[in-house]
Every structure is written in C-alpha cells, then in structure tokens.
C-alpha cells in the first residue's frame, strides 16, 4: 500500500477522516509504516485527487487524518496527455481474476472487460468476487499499490460476442486492437504505423482462446501479436501485454 486511499464520504467538513480500530488502513499505518501523529503520508481520494494525509491523532479508538490535496491523480494526466489502455480478458478462476484486477489497476488501465469464452467455466461469474463491495476493495488495493486514485471501469459479458459488440459501438478510427497469441510475430508494422488514440488488448483465459475465437477477434480488427517467453500464464501474459500496448503507444507518439 504505497498510497492510503479514502472514500469521498469518509471526509468530514474539515477534510478530516476518522478510521476505527480494525480498519486495515489503520493496521498498515501503525504496524507497517510505523507512523505517528504529525507524520505525513501519501494519500488520495478514490476517483479524486492525490494529496497528503497527516496523522492528527492515534488512540485506542482509531486514527484521525487531515487530508490536503496536492496533485491531480497521475492516471488523469495520462488519460489527458497519453493513450488509455483497455484489457479484454477471457474469464478465469476467481483467485486469478482477483490478482489480475489488482495488478491491472496498479498499471493504470482504464477499463477491464471480462468475457466468458468457450474454455471458461460458467460458475466463475457466480463467484463472491463479483459482489460490488468485494470487487471495489480489490480495485482500491491495486490503485493504492500503484499510487493512483482512479479505478478502472469493469464490465463482464456472458460471451465474447457481447463484449466485441460493446467495443464496436464505441470504436474510433484511432483505436488499435491487439490480441496476444503464442507463436505470432512481435508488433507488426501495420500496428506501429497506425495513429493511436486507444489500445484494446485481448488476453485469453487460462486455457487460451480457441481458433474460432481468434478468428472472431481478427474479424473485429484485432491483430495477433506474440510476446517473448513462449506460452505464458494468463497473469503473466496480461502484464506482458500491457507492456506491448505501451510499446504501441510509444511507437505512435
């Protein structure tokens, strides 16, 4: 937790936040950071500004912080001056998805779209992770780790066709779509020489996209791109894919 994040409703009229004993943020500040009253910590408001939280009081009842905004969130600057990245994921086991959502939030992607594929289990969409409070907690954990405040938009669809239809409705000419596919060549010239306003990265589930799904992605404008290292786990492939997406952005700057 590199940044302590607070919800907007936790601020009172004097920009103070009171957290009770048992709150994991209190435990982190006391036991990991070993901070004391008067110390100033990197902090932010979820989907708001970054800033500084000063510990005003630490007692048996909990901790009191004073929050002072000091900067616009880094992901806002990236969205304004750079290129947003969205990740389309084939549905994976909930324990894997939890780690992926946390890490992708840390990297600053602006949207994660989860689609049930031919090799995905339908039961994955009934996991407790999809409960709103649990899902938000995972995203906040990732944002705190990445020194960000902005949470990505999350969407889930019962089929890849539904996800692709959603993407097509908002498609722009300056959008680059890539799908990670083992054995494909690295970034082709057709991708790096295109104007780029947004990158959509598709990553298969744990058993991968089947050939019919790769063909469907190709029909919807996705270009197959390989990454070094052979066949990767979904978690590794997604992070490697974000690096590939950033390569697309740099090549088109």
Protein backbone atom coordinates (compact mmCIF):
# COMPACT_ATOMS: atom_id res chain seq x y z
CA UNK A 1 0.00 0.00 0.00
CA UNK A 2 2.04 2.93 -1.32
CA UNK A 3 -0.81 5.41 -1.05
CA UNK A 4 -3.52 5.49 1.62
CA UNK A 5 -6.86 5.83 -0.15
CA UNK A 6 -10.01 7.25 1.40
CA UNK A 7 -13.56 7.26 0.11
CA UNK A 8 -15.12 10.66 -0.51
CA UNK A 9 -17.83 10.02 2.08
CA UNK A 10 -15.17 9.48 4.77
CA UNK A 11 -14.12 13.14 4.66
CA UNK A 12 -15.92 15.46 7.02
CA UNK A 13 -16.49 19.18 6.51
CA UNK A 14 -12.99 19.92 7.81
CA UNK A 15 -11.32 17.43 5.42
CA UNK A 16 -10.62 15.05 8.27
CA UNK A 17 -11.00 11.29 8.17
CA UNK A 18 -11.68 9.14 11.23
CA UNK A 19 -10.90 5.44 10.94
CA UNK A 20 -11.81 2.90 13.58
CA UNK A 21 -9.59 0.23 15.08
CA UNK A 22 -9.70 -2.84 12.85
CA UNK A 23 -9.62 -0.85 9.62
CA UNK A 24 -6.80 -2.36 7.56
CA UNK A 25 -5.51 1.12 6.75
CA UNK A 26 -5.02 1.79 10.46
CA UNK A 27 -3.21 -1.52 10.85
CA UNK A 28 -0.98 -0.69 7.89
CA UNK A 29 -0.10 2.79 9.14
CA UNK A 30 0.65 1.54 12.66
CA UNK A 31 2.34 -1.79 12.02
CA UNK A 32 3.97 -1.43 8.60
CA UNK A 33 4.68 2.28 8.23
CA UNK A 34 5.05 2.74 11.99
CA UNK A 35 3.84 6.29 11.56
CA UNK A 36 2.87 8.52 14.49
CA UNK A 37 0.87 11.74 14.93
CA UNK A 38 2.48 14.52 12.94
CA UNK A 39 3.72 12.22 10.19
CA UNK A 40 2.56 12.96 6.64
CA UNK A 41 1.70 10.14 4.27
CA UNK A 42 0.96 9.84 0.56
CA UNK A 43 -2.83 9.68 0.26
CA UNK A 44 -5.71 10.19 -2.11
CA UNK A 45 -9.47 10.17 -2.58
CA UNK A 46 -10.85 7.29 -4.63
CA UNK A 47 -11.58 8.62 -8.14
CA UNK A 48 -10.38 12.03 -6.94
CA UNK A 49 -7.21 13.87 -6.09
CA UNK A 50 -3.90 12.71 -4.74
CA UNK A 51 -2.56 14.52 -1.71
CA UNK A 52 -1.12 14.19 1.76
CA UNK A 53 -2.70 12.78 4.89
CA UNK A 54 -1.30 13.99 8.21
CA UNK A 55 -1.92 11.84 11.26
CA UNK A 56 -3.75 14.12 13.70
CA UNK A 57 -4.50 11.58 16.41
CA UNK A 58 -3.82 7.93 17.21
CA UNK A 59 -5.70 6.40 20.11
CA UNK A 60 -7.32 3.18 21.24
CA UNK A 61 -10.41 4.21 19.29
CA UNK A 62 -8.64 4.56 15.97
CA UNK A 63 -6.84 7.22 13.92
CA UNK A 64 -7.72 10.69 12.68
CA UNK A 65 -6.15 12.09 9.49
CA UNK A 66 -6.20 15.53 7.96
CA UNK A 67 -6.23 15.40 4.14
CA UNK A 68 -4.71 18.06 1.89
CA UNK A 69 -4.95 17.65 -1.90
CA UNK A 70 -1.67 18.42 -3.62
CA UNK A 71 -1.82 17.00 -7.14
CA UNK A 72 -4.07 15.68 -9.85
CA UNK A 73 -4.04 11.89 -9.94
CA UNK A 74 -1.34 10.51 -12.27
CA UNK A 75 -3.82 8.44 -14.26
CA UNK A 76 -5.81 11.59 -15.07
CA UNK A 77 -2.68 13.17 -16.54
CA UNK A 78 -2.01 10.01 -18.55
CA UNK A 79 -5.54 9.97 -19.92
CA UNK A 80 -5.30 13.64 -20.86
CA UNK A 81 -1.84 13.53 -22.43
CA UNK A 82 -1.36 9.88 -23.35
CA UNK A 83 -3.28 6.89 -24.61
CA UNK A 84 -5.72 4.87 -22.50
CA UNK A 85 -5.42 1.08 -22.42
CA UNK A 86 -8.34 -1.33 -22.03
CA UNK A 87 -7.92 -5.06 -21.39
CA UNK A 88 -10.32 -7.73 -22.64
CA UNK A 89 -9.91 -10.88 -20.54
CA UNK A 90 -11.23 -14.34 -21.14
CA UNK A 91 -12.91 -15.32 -17.86
CA UNK A 92 -10.52 -17.04 -15.46
CA UNK A 93 -10.70 -18.58 -11.99
CA UNK A 94 -11.77 -16.02 -9.38
CA UNK A 95 -8.48 -16.26 -7.47
CA UNK A 96 -6.59 -15.46 -10.67
CA UNK A 97 -9.01 -12.70 -11.66
CA UNK A 98 -8.59 -11.06 -8.28
CA UNK A 99 -4.83 -10.78 -8.78
CA UNK A 100 -5.27 -9.62 -12.36
CA UNK A 101 -7.73 -6.87 -11.47
CA UNK A 102 -5.47 -5.66 -8.68
CA UNK A 103 -2.36 -5.60 -10.87
CA UNK A 104 -4.04 -4.07 -13.92
CA UNK A 105 -5.43 -1.31 -11.72
CA UNK A 106 -1.91 -0.69 -10.42
CA UNK A 107 -0.73 -0.32 -14.02
CA UNK A 108 -3.43 2.28 -14.70
CA UNK A 109 -5.59 0.61 -17.34
CA UNK A 110 -8.86 2.46 -17.75
CA UNK A 111 -11.19 -0.47 -18.46
CA UNK A 112 -11.26 -4.24 -17.93
CA UNK A 113 -13.78 -6.29 -19.88
CA UNK A 114 -14.26 -9.90 -18.77
CA UNK A 115 -15.93 -12.26 -21.25
CA UNK A 116 -16.94 -15.88 -20.84
CA UNK A 117 -15.23 -17.89 -23.58
CA UNK A 118 -15.54 -21.44 -24.84
CA UNK A 119 -12.96 -22.68 -22.33
CA UNK A 120 -14.23 -20.64 -19.37
CA UNK A 121 -16.37 -22.09 -16.61
CA UNK A 122 -19.82 -20.51 -16.28
CA UNK A 123 -19.54 -20.76 -12.48
CA UNK A 124 -16.76 -18.15 -12.47
CA UNK A 125 -19.37 -15.41 -12.90
CA UNK A 126 -21.15 -16.53 -9.73
CA UNK A 127 -18.05 -16.06 -7.56
CA UNK A 128 -18.22 -13.80 -4.50
CA UNK A 129 -15.55 -11.62 -6.11
CA UNK A 130 -18.26 -10.11 -8.31
CA UNK A 131 -20.12 -8.70 -5.32
CA UNK A 132 -19.84 -4.93 -5.64
CA UNK A 133 -18.12 -4.30 -2.29
CA UNK A 134 -15.56 -7.09 -2.78
CA UNK A 135 -14.78 -6.01 -6.32
CA UNK A 136 -14.31 -2.39 -5.30
CA UNK A 137 -11.98 -3.41 -2.46
CA UNK A 138 -9.74 -5.28 -4.92
CA UNK A 139 -9.58 -2.30 -7.26
CA UNK A 140 -8.77 0.07 -4.41
CA UNK A 141 -6.00 -2.27 -3.27
CA UNK A 142 -4.48 -2.12 -6.75
CA UNK A 143 -4.81 1.66 -7.01
CA UNK A 144 -3.16 2.13 -3.61
CA UNK A 145 -0.25 -0.05 -4.68
CA UNK A 146 0.19 1.89 -7.92
CA UNK A 147 -0.01 5.37 -6.35
CA UNK A 148 -3.25 6.03 -8.18
CA UNK A 149 -6.76 7.06 -7.23
CA UNK A 150 -8.67 6.24 -10.40
CA UNK A 151 -10.40 2.87 -10.60
CA UNK A 152 -10.94 1.19 -13.99
CA UNK A 153 -14.38 0.55 -15.39
CA UNK A 154 -15.28 -3.13 -15.09
CA UNK A 155 -17.63 -4.99 -17.43
CA UNK A 156 -18.50 -8.67 -17.72
CA UNK A 157 -20.33 -10.41 -20.53
CA UNK A 158 -21.64 -13.92 -20.94
CA UNK A 159 -19.96 -14.26 -24.33
CA UNK A 160 -17.09 -12.85 -26.35
CA UNK A 161 -19.59 -11.72 -28.99
CA UNK A 162 -21.31 -9.45 -26.45
CA UNK A 163 -18.01 -7.86 -25.45
CA UNK A 164 -16.99 -7.27 -29.05
CA UNK A 165 -20.36 -5.73 -29.84
CA UNK A 166 -19.88 -3.36 -26.89
CA UNK A 167 -16.42 -2.38 -28.15
CA UNK A 168 -17.66 -1.85 -31.70
CA UNK A 169 -20.36 0.56 -30.53
CA UNK A 170 -17.71 2.92 -29.16
CA UNK A 171 -14.97 2.25 -31.70
CA UNK A 172 -12.90 5.11 -33.10
CA UNK A 173 -10.61 5.25 -36.13
CA UNK A 174 -7.59 5.92 -33.92
CA UNK A 175 -8.06 2.71 -31.94
CA UNK A 176 -5.50 -0.11 -32.05
CA UNK A 177 -6.65 -3.64 -31.17
CA UNK A 178 -4.19 -6.42 -30.39
CA UNK A 179 -4.66 -9.99 -29.17
CA UNK A 180 -1.86 -11.96 -27.56
CA UNK A 181 -1.37 -15.23 -29.40
CA UNK A 182 1.54 -17.60 -28.80
CA UNK A 183 3.60 -18.09 -31.95
CA UNK A 184 2.56 -14.82 -33.58
CA UNK A 185 5.22 -12.30 -34.62
CA UNK A 186 6.02 -9.28 -32.44
CA UNK A 187 4.41 -5.93 -33.17
CA UNK A 188 3.91 -5.73 -36.95
CA UNK A 189 4.39 -2.51 -38.92
CA UNK A 190 0.66 -2.43 -39.59
CA UNK A 191 0.17 -1.73 -35.87
CA UNK A 192 3.10 0.55 -35.08
CA UNK A 193 2.46 2.83 -38.05
CA UNK A 194 -1.20 3.49 -37.25
CA UNK A 195 -2.48 6.56 -35.45
CA UNK A 196 -3.32 5.57 -31.91
CA UNK A 197 -5.93 7.07 -29.59
CA UNK A 198 -6.64 3.97 -27.55
CA UNK A 199 -5.26 0.44 -27.25
CA UNK A 200 -7.51 -2.58 -26.67
CA UNK A 201 -5.56 -5.62 -25.50
CA UNK A 202 -7.19 -9.09 -25.59
CA UNK A 203 -5.80 -11.86 -23.38
CA UNK A 204 -7.22 -15.38 -23.37
CA UNK A 205 -8.39 -17.41 -20.37
CA UNK A 206 -6.20 -19.95 -18.64
CA UNK A 207 -6.67 -22.48 -21.44
CA UNK A 208 -6.47 -19.80 -24.11
CA UNK A 209 -8.74 -18.63 -26.91
CA UNK A 210 -9.78 -21.37 -29.33
CA UNK A 211 -9.08 -20.89 -33.04
CA UNK A 212 -12.66 -19.79 -33.74
CA UNK A 213 -12.35 -17.05 -31.11
CA UNK A 214 -9.05 -15.84 -32.55
CA UNK A 215 -10.74 -15.68 -35.96
CA UNK A 216 -13.64 -13.73 -34.43
CA UNK A 217 -11.24 -11.27 -32.81
CA UNK A 218 -9.49 -10.85 -36.17
CA UNK A 219 -12.86 -10.08 -37.80
CA UNK A 220 -13.32 -7.31 -35.25
CA UNK A 221 -9.98 -5.69 -36.01
CA UNK A 222 -7.65 -7.41 -33.54
CA UNK A 223 -4.12 -8.09 -34.78
CA UNK A 224 -2.38 -11.15 -33.31
CA UNK A 225 0.86 -10.29 -31.53
CA UNK A 226 3.34 -12.60 -29.82
CA UNK A 227 5.37 -11.96 -26.68
CA UNK A 228 8.78 -13.41 -25.77
CA UNK A 229 8.87 -16.42 -23.49
CA UNK A 230 6.56 -18.86 -25.23
CA UNK A 231 3.21 -19.77 -23.70
CA UNK A 232 2.61 -17.70 -20.55
CA UNK A 233 0.14 -17.96 -17.72
CA UNK A 234 -2.79 -15.58 -18.08
CA UNK A 235 -1.45 -13.36 -15.29
CA UNK A 236 2.00 -13.09 -16.86
CA UNK A 237 0.55 -12.66 -20.35
CA UNK A 238 -1.70 -9.79 -19.25
CA UNK A 239 1.18 -7.84 -17.69
CA UNK A 240 3.41 -8.58 -20.69
CA UNK A 241 0.55 -7.47 -22.90
CA UNK A 242 0.26 -4.12 -21.15
CA UNK A 243 3.98 -3.64 -21.86
CA UNK A 244 3.29 -4.48 -25.52
CA UNK A 245 0.41 -1.99 -25.54
CA UNK A 246 2.71 0.69 -24.18
CA UNK A 247 5.16 -0.15 -26.97
CA UNK A 248 2.35 0.58 -29.43
CA UNK A 249 1.79 3.92 -27.74
CA UNK A 250 5.49 4.85 -27.83
CA UNK A 251 5.78 3.81 -31.48
CA UNK A 252 2.89 6.09 -32.38
CA UNK A 253 3.98 9.12 -30.36
